[in-house]
Amino acid sequence: MSAERFWTDTRIIEAVLEFHRREGKWPKEKDFVRTEGLPSATVVRLNMGTWQEPVRRAQAHIAQGEAAC
């Protein structure tokens, strides 16, 4: 299975959320390496267009959850 197939949009966003919970900050491009539990920035760009897109979606996910509370 290729990295692009393993790292679906949903899995990438989940990994970003987990990174945020674990590190207390949003990942930057240099953080998108497999050793950190994130896909490479290249895989993110191939799947989502930019490496920032999953961070934007994860932030929106959290904002929606807070709005629902």
Protein backbone atom coordinates (compact mmCIF):
# COMPACT_ATOMS: atom_id res chain seq x y z
CA MET A 1 0.00 0.00 0.00
CA SER A 2 1.39 3.39 -0.93
CA ALA A 3 1.79 6.16 1.64
CA GLU A 4 -0.81 8.23 -0.20
CA ARG A 5 -3.38 5.46 0.23
CA PHE A 6 -2.62 4.92 3.90
CA TRP A 7 -2.74 8.64 4.65
CA THR A 8 -6.31 9.53 3.74
CA ASP A 9 -7.55 13.04 4.44
CA THR A 10 -9.29 11.79 7.58
CA ARG A 11 -6.17 10.03 8.89
CA ILE A 12 -4.03 13.08 8.20
CA ILE A 13 -6.42 15.35 10.12
CA GLU A 14 -6.59 12.84 12.99
CA ALA A 15 -2.78 12.78 13.11
CA VAL A 16 -2.70 16.59 13.21
CA LEU A 17 -5.22 16.61 16.07
CA GLU A 18 -3.17 14.00 17.95
CA PHE A 19 0.01 16.03 17.42
CA HIS A 20 -1.79 19.10 18.78
CA ARG A 21 -3.00 17.20 21.86
CA ARG A 22 0.46 15.71 22.47
CA GLU A 23 2.64 18.77 21.75
CA GLY A 24 0.27 21.61 22.66
CA LYS A 25 0.91 23.35 19.33
CA TRP A 26 -0.07 23.02 15.72
CA PRO A 27 2.43 21.22 13.49
CA LYS A 28 4.53 23.17 11.04
CA GLU A 29 5.80 21.80 7.74
CA LYS A 30 9.02 20.53 9.34
CA ASP A 31 6.92 18.47 11.78
CA PHE A 32 5.29 16.49 8.96
CA VAL A 33 7.67 13.55 9.11
CA ARG A 34 6.68 9.95 9.67
CA THR A 35 8.85 9.61 12.77
CA GLU A 36 6.58 12.12 14.53
CA GLY A 37 3.42 10.16 13.70
CA LEU A 38 2.59 12.44 10.81
CA PRO A 39 2.89 11.82 7.09
CA SER A 40 5.56 13.64 5.14
CA ALA A 41 4.74 17.12 3.87
CA THR A 42 4.94 15.69 0.34
CA VAL A 43 2.21 13.14 1.07
CA VAL A 44 0.07 15.86 2.65
CA ARG A 45 0.49 18.08 -0.43
CA LEU A 46 -0.39 15.18 -2.75
CA ASN A 47 -3.55 14.39 -0.77
CA MET A 48 -4.72 17.81 0.33
CA GLY A 49 -3.08 20.38 -1.94
CA THR A 50 -0.99 22.14 0.72
CA TRP A 51 0.65 21.06 3.95
CA GLN A 52 -1.38 23.73 5.80
CA GLU A 53 -4.77 22.34 4.76
CA PRO A 54 -5.02 19.58 7.40
CA VAL A 55 -4.03 22.07 10.12
CA ARG A 56 -6.77 24.44 8.93
CA ARG A 57 -9.32 21.62 8.94
CA ALA A 58 -8.22 20.37 12.37
CA GLN A 59 -8.54 23.90 13.78
CA ALA A 60 -12.03 24.15 12.27
CA HIS A 61 -12.93 20.77 13.77
CA ILE A 62 -11.93 21.98 17.24
CA ALA A 63 -13.74 25.30 16.77
CA GLN A 64 -16.94 23.47 15.77
CA GLY A 65 -16.65 21.25 18.83
CA GLU A 66 -16.22 24.25 21.11
CA ALA A 67 -19.18 26.00 19.49
CA ALA A 68 -21.32 22.94 20.16
CA CYS A 69 -20.54 22.99 23.89
